[in-house]
Amino acid sequence: MKTILLAGGLGSRLAEETVSIPKPMVEIGGRPIIARVMDIYSHFGHRDFVVAAGYKALLLKQFFANYHLIANNISVALDTGELKLVPSAPGGWNVSVVDTGAHTMTSGRIRRLKEWLDPGETFMCTYSDGLGNIDINALIDFHKSHGKLATVTAVQPPARFGNIELKGDRVDAFTEKVRRRETWINGGYFVFEPGVMDYMVDDMEPLEQSPLSQMARDGELMAYRHEGFWHPMDTIRDRNALEALCEDDTPPWLQFDAKPSSDYPAIAI
């Protein structure tokens, strides 16, 4: 099953990082975040990717064209120039990088990749800037169980502010960065049937607007609830928070133990 990685946006809220590189190439722990998203899929055996490039697409093409050299160690015989790779990175990835236009919106990028997908086959899709310990195979099983066109992974957003509980004007309780367990948002990590292409008719339409909204109205959009770790990289603070988590041998987005999100420490952002 192929996975589309949406990687063409400008990343304007990360301007100091993305002025010279596309947002998916911003590094987290020494590796571009897009590669860390791919690690999640790869863990579950899904290694066939189509990258929907746009802004500074050439840099994404160059990265993947040279990935075998960038991500692995090398041994060089200096007298002959013979080069040997010493594998040290995840293997078995098949990656197509397709320039879907600098200003195309997300649904248009998906539509432009139709010919790069397997005809009539289910496919996956996600943003290249959000990390979570999503059980990809459980997500696929859920999608297959309901028979609808689309599944979105619903996640609980990381807390950004502490809560004050009031009784009248008196502060009854003060809690720091408590996740609101009743709140669910779009976390990406979609599973789509080919029929979703019928909803994607305008290059300038974000996926999150008319296409998903219309699928929901038609009863064709289901939500896979993920209660584990998830965090986006929307701002420099987000990037720094994810960077700090890379200090662990196994960062939380690769800990597939289905802990509820409330069990993870709050991220300072």
Protein backbone atom coordinates (compact mmCIF):
# COMPACT_ATOMS: atom_id res chain seq x y z
CA MET A 1 0.00 0.00 0.00
CA LYS A 2 1.44 3.37 -1.01
CA THR A 3 1.66 6.36 1.31
CA ILE A 4 1.46 9.96 0.12
CA LEU A 5 3.55 12.40 2.15
CA LEU A 6 2.24 15.96 1.78
CA ALA A 7 5.43 18.00 1.63
CA GLY A 8 4.79 21.07 -0.51
CA GLY A 9 3.73 23.83 1.87
CA LEU A 10 5.66 26.98 2.72
CA GLY A 11 5.88 26.49 6.49
CA SER A 12 5.43 30.22 7.08
CA ARG A 13 5.26 29.90 10.89
CA LEU A 14 8.72 28.32 10.78
CA ALA A 15 10.09 31.12 8.62
CA GLU A 16 13.54 31.23 10.18
CA GLU A 17 13.95 27.52 9.36
CA THR A 18 12.11 27.35 6.03
CA VAL A 19 13.51 30.40 4.23
CA SER A 20 16.09 28.13 2.58
CA ILE A 21 14.58 24.64 2.87
CA PRO A 22 11.08 23.13 2.66
CA LYS A 23 9.37 22.51 5.97
CA PRO A 24 9.65 18.67 5.77
CA MET A 25 13.44 19.08 5.59
CA VAL A 26 13.63 20.84 8.98
CA GLU A 27 15.74 18.58 11.15
CA ILE A 28 14.63 16.90 14.35
CA GLY A 29 17.53 15.24 16.12
CA GLY A 30 19.77 15.51 13.07
CA ARG A 31 17.28 14.06 10.56
CA PRO A 32 14.57 15.77 8.49
CA ILE A 33 11.15 15.41 10.05
CA ILE A 34 9.84 13.78 6.87
CA ALA A 35 12.26 10.88 7.44
CA ARG A 36 11.00 10.53 11.00
CA VAL A 37 7.41 10.32 9.72
CA MET A 38 8.58 7.61 7.34
CA ASP A 39 10.11 5.71 10.27
CA ILE A 40 6.62 5.34 11.76
CA TYR A 41 5.21 3.75 8.61
CA SER A 42 8.35 1.67 8.09
CA HIS A 43 8.04 0.17 11.56
CA PHE A 44 4.80 -1.46 10.42
CA GLY A 45 6.19 -2.65 7.09
CA HIS A 46 4.92 0.20 4.89
CA ARG A 47 7.88 1.47 2.88
CA ASP A 48 6.43 2.63 -0.44
CA PHE A 49 6.16 6.43 -0.43
CA VAL A 50 5.10 9.16 -2.85
CA VAL A 51 6.29 12.60 -1.75
CA ALA A 52 4.02 15.46 -2.88
CA ALA A 53 6.67 18.16 -3.22
CA GLY A 54 6.10 21.83 -4.02
CA TYR A 55 8.01 24.66 -2.34
CA LYS A 56 11.74 24.06 -3.00
CA ALA A 57 10.94 20.64 -4.48
CA LEU A 58 14.48 20.28 -5.81
CA LEU A 59 15.89 20.02 -2.29
CA LEU A 60 13.57 17.10 -1.52
CA LYS A 61 14.60 15.41 -4.77
CA GLN A 62 18.27 15.91 -3.94
CA PHE A 63 17.82 14.57 -0.43
CA PHE A 64 16.19 11.33 -1.52
CA ALA A 65 18.45 10.94 -4.57
CA ASN A 66 21.43 11.01 -2.20
CA TYR A 67 19.76 9.36 0.80
CA HIS A 68 21.89 6.22 0.56
CA LEU A 69 24.96 8.42 1.03
CA ILE A 70 23.49 10.90 3.53
CA ALA A 71 21.94 8.36 5.89
CA ASN A 72 24.58 5.64 5.90
CA ASN A 73 28.21 5.47 6.89
CA ILE A 74 30.84 5.04 4.20
CA SER A 75 34.18 3.35 3.75
CA VAL A 76 36.52 4.83 1.13
CA ALA A 77 39.72 3.40 -0.31
CA LEU A 78 41.57 6.67 -0.85
CA ASP A 79 44.08 5.27 -3.34
CA THR A 80 41.41 3.91 -5.71
CA GLY A 81 38.38 5.98 -4.76
CA GLU A 82 36.34 2.82 -4.19
CA LEU A 83 33.32 3.66 -2.03
CA LYS A 84 31.40 1.19 0.09
CA LEU A 85 28.26 1.94 2.07
CA VAL A 86 28.09 0.69 5.63
CA PRO A 87 24.31 0.45 6.26
CA SER A 88 23.23 2.38 9.33
CA ALA A 89 19.78 3.67 8.34
CA PRO A 90 16.36 2.08 7.78
CA GLY A 91 16.37 0.18 4.52
CA GLY A 92 13.91 -0.97 1.93
CA TRP A 93 12.24 2.38 1.26
CA ASN A 94 10.89 3.06 -2.23
CA VAL A 95 10.38 6.79 -2.72
CA SER A 96 8.93 8.80 -5.60
CA VAL A 97 9.27 12.58 -5.33
CA VAL A 98 6.77 14.45 -7.51
CA ASP A 99 6.63 18.22 -7.97
CA THR A 100 2.93 18.99 -7.51
CA GLY A 101 3.31 22.77 -7.84
CA ALA A 102 4.60 25.51 -5.60
CA HIS A 103 1.17 26.96 -4.79
CA THR A 104 -1.10 23.91 -5.09
CA MET A 105 -3.19 23.19 -2.00
CA THR A 106 -3.31 19.81 -0.28
CA SER A 107 -6.29 18.27 -2.08
CA GLY A 108 -4.81 19.37 -5.40
CA ARG A 109 -1.51 17.71 -4.53
CA ILE A 110 -3.28 14.43 -3.82
CA ARG A 111 -5.27 14.66 -7.06
CA ARG A 112 -2.09 15.30 -9.07
CA LEU A 113 -0.61 12.07 -7.71
CA LYS A 114 -3.42 9.84 -8.98
CA GLU A 115 -1.24 8.34 -11.72
CA TRP A 116 1.47 7.55 -9.17
CA LEU A 117 -0.86 5.36 -7.11
CA ASP A 118 -1.83 1.75 -7.75
CA PRO A 119 -5.10 1.79 -9.76
CA GLY A 120 -8.10 0.83 -7.68
CA GLU A 121 -6.03 0.34 -4.52
CA THR A 122 -6.42 1.79 -1.03
CA PHE A 123 -3.69 4.29 -0.16
CA MET A 124 -2.50 6.23 2.87
CA CYS A 125 -1.69 9.91 3.22
CA THR A 126 -0.31 12.17 5.91
CA TYR A 127 1.29 15.52 6.57
CA SER A 128 5.08 15.55 6.79
CA ASP A 129 5.18 17.63 9.97
CA GLY A 130 3.38 15.61 12.66
CA LEU A 131 4.77 12.75 14.73
CA GLY A 132 2.79 10.20 16.73
CA ASN A 133 3.05 6.59 17.85
CA ILE A 134 0.19 5.63 15.54
CA ASP A 135 -0.35 1.90 15.13
CA ILE A 136 -0.53 2.01 11.34
CA ASN A 137 -1.74 -1.55 10.92
CA ALA A 138 -4.50 -1.06 13.50
CA LEU A 139 -5.47 2.10 11.60
CA ILE A 140 -5.71 0.12 8.36
CA ASP A 141 -7.74 -2.63 10.04
CA PHE A 142 -10.16 -0.01 11.37
CA HIS A 143 -10.50 1.50 7.92
CA LYS A 144 -11.25 -1.86 6.35
CA SER A 145 -13.83 -2.62 9.03
CA HIS A 146 -16.21 0.25 8.24
CA GLY A 147 -16.27 0.21 4.44
CA LYS A 148 -16.29 4.01 3.99
CA LEU A 149 -14.12 6.04 1.63
CA ALA A 150 -11.90 7.73 4.19
CA THR A 151 -10.43 7.45 7.67
CA VAL A 152 -8.72 10.28 9.53
CA THR A 153 -6.67 9.75 12.66
CA ALA A 154 -8.25 11.82 15.43
CA VAL A 155 -5.74 12.94 18.06
CA GLN A 156 -5.80 14.93 21.26
CA PRO A 157 -3.79 18.14 20.91
CA PRO A 158 -0.86 18.79 23.21
CA ALA A 159 -1.69 21.22 25.97
CA ARG A 160 -0.22 24.68 25.43
CA PHE A 161 -1.57 26.45 28.51
CA GLY A 162 -2.28 25.64 32.13
CA ASN A 163 -5.85 25.59 33.42
CA ILE A 164 -7.35 27.72 36.16
CA GLU A 165 -10.50 26.40 37.83
CA LEU A 166 -12.58 29.12 39.44
CA LYS A 167 -15.24 29.24 42.12
CA GLY A 168 -16.57 32.73 41.78
CA ASP A 169 -13.47 34.89 41.73
CA ARG A 170 -11.42 32.47 43.83
CA VAL A 171 -8.92 30.15 42.15
CA ASP A 172 -9.99 26.67 43.22
CA ALA A 173 -7.28 24.77 41.34
CA PHE A 174 -4.32 25.55 39.14
CA THR A 175 -3.03 22.85 36.81
CA GLU A 176 -0.18 23.06 34.33
CA LYS A 177 -0.66 21.92 30.73
CA VAL A 178 -3.37 19.30 31.18
CA ARG A 179 -4.51 17.66 27.96
CA ARG A 180 -8.22 18.04 27.28
CA ARG A 181 -9.29 14.46 26.72
CA GLU A 182 -12.65 15.49 25.27
CA THR A 183 -11.01 17.42 22.40
CA TRP A 184 -10.24 15.66 19.12
CA ILE A 185 -8.53 17.21 16.10
CA ASN A 186 -7.29 16.14 12.67
CA GLY A 187 -3.92 14.46 13.18
CA GLY A 188 -3.38 13.36 9.58
CA TYR A 189 -2.47 9.68 9.06
CA PHE A 190 -5.34 9.11 6.63
CA VAL A 191 -6.43 5.96 4.84
CA PHE A 192 -8.26 6.61 1.56
CA GLU A 193 -10.12 4.62 -1.04
CA PRO A 194 -9.65 5.69 -4.68
CA GLY A 195 -13.14 7.21 -4.64
CA VAL A 196 -11.89 10.16 -2.59
CA MET A 197 -10.46 11.57 -5.81
CA ASP A 198 -14.02 12.47 -6.82
CA TYR A 199 -14.04 14.99 -3.96
CA MET A 200 -10.75 16.62 -4.98
CA VAL A 201 -11.61 18.76 -7.97
CA ASP A 202 -9.84 22.07 -7.29
CA ASP A 203 -6.07 22.57 -7.07
CA MET A 204 -6.57 25.52 -4.74
CA GLU A 205 -8.79 23.71 -2.22
CA PRO A 206 -7.24 22.57 1.07
CA LEU A 207 -8.03 18.95 1.88
CA GLU A 208 -9.37 20.06 5.26
CA GLN A 209 -12.07 22.26 3.75
CA SER A 210 -14.46 21.13 1.02
CA PRO A 211 -13.17 17.57 0.41
CA LEU A 212 -13.19 16.30 4.00
CA SER A 213 -16.23 18.38 4.93
CA GLN A 214 -18.23 16.96 2.03
CA MET A 215 -17.12 13.41 2.82
CA ALA A 216 -18.33 13.94 6.38
CA ARG A 217 -21.70 15.23 5.16
CA ASP A 218 -21.99 12.20 2.87
CA GLY A 219 -21.21 9.82 5.73
CA GLU A 220 -17.98 8.68 4.07
CA LEU A 221 -15.47 9.90 6.68
CA MET A 222 -14.65 7.92 9.82
CA ALA A 223 -12.24 8.69 12.67
CA TYR A 224 -9.65 6.36 14.16
CA ARG A 225 -9.14 7.57 17.72
CA HIS A 226 -5.49 7.70 18.73
CA GLU A 227 -4.98 8.34 22.44
CA GLY A 228 -1.21 8.02 22.44
CA PHE A 229 1.54 10.52 21.72
CA TRP A 230 1.10 13.04 18.91
CA HIS A 231 2.72 16.40 18.32
CA PRO A 232 2.87 18.71 15.29
CA MET A 233 5.77 20.86 14.18
CA ASP A 234 4.03 24.14 13.45
CA THR A 235 6.34 26.59 15.20
CA ILE A 236 9.94 26.95 16.32
CA ARG A 237 8.80 26.03 19.83
CA ASP A 238 7.30 22.82 18.47
CA ARG A 239 10.55 22.02 16.69
CA ASN A 240 12.56 22.62 19.83
CA ALA A 241 10.20 20.46 21.89
CA LEU A 242 10.48 17.56 19.45
CA GLU A 243 14.24 18.06 19.28
CA ALA A 244 14.46 17.64 23.05
CA LEU A 245 12.51 14.37 22.86
CA CYS A 246 15.12 12.95 20.49
CA GLU A 247 17.51 12.74 23.43
CA ASP A 248 15.71 9.54 24.43
CA ASP A 249 16.99 6.33 22.82
CA THR A 250 13.45 5.71 21.59
CA PRO A 251 11.46 8.94 21.18
CA PRO A 252 7.77 8.76 22.11
CA TRP A 253 6.55 8.64 18.50
CA LEU A 254 8.32 5.27 18.16
CA GLN A 255 7.01 3.84 21.44
CA PHE A 256 4.13 1.72 20.20
CA ASP A 257 2.69 0.70 23.55
CA ALA A 258 -0.68 2.47 23.21
CA LYS A 259 -0.24 4.56 26.35
CA PRO A 260 -2.96 7.21 26.62
CA SER A 261 -1.69 10.70 25.91
CA SER A 262 -2.26 11.79 29.52
CA ASP A 263 0.51 9.40 30.58
CA TYR A 264 3.13 11.29 28.58
CA PRO A 265 4.84 14.28 30.16
CA ALA A 266 3.57 17.66 29.03
CA ILE A 267 5.81 19.21 26.41
CA ALA A 268 7.05 22.69 27.20
CA ILE A 269 6.22 24.83 24.17
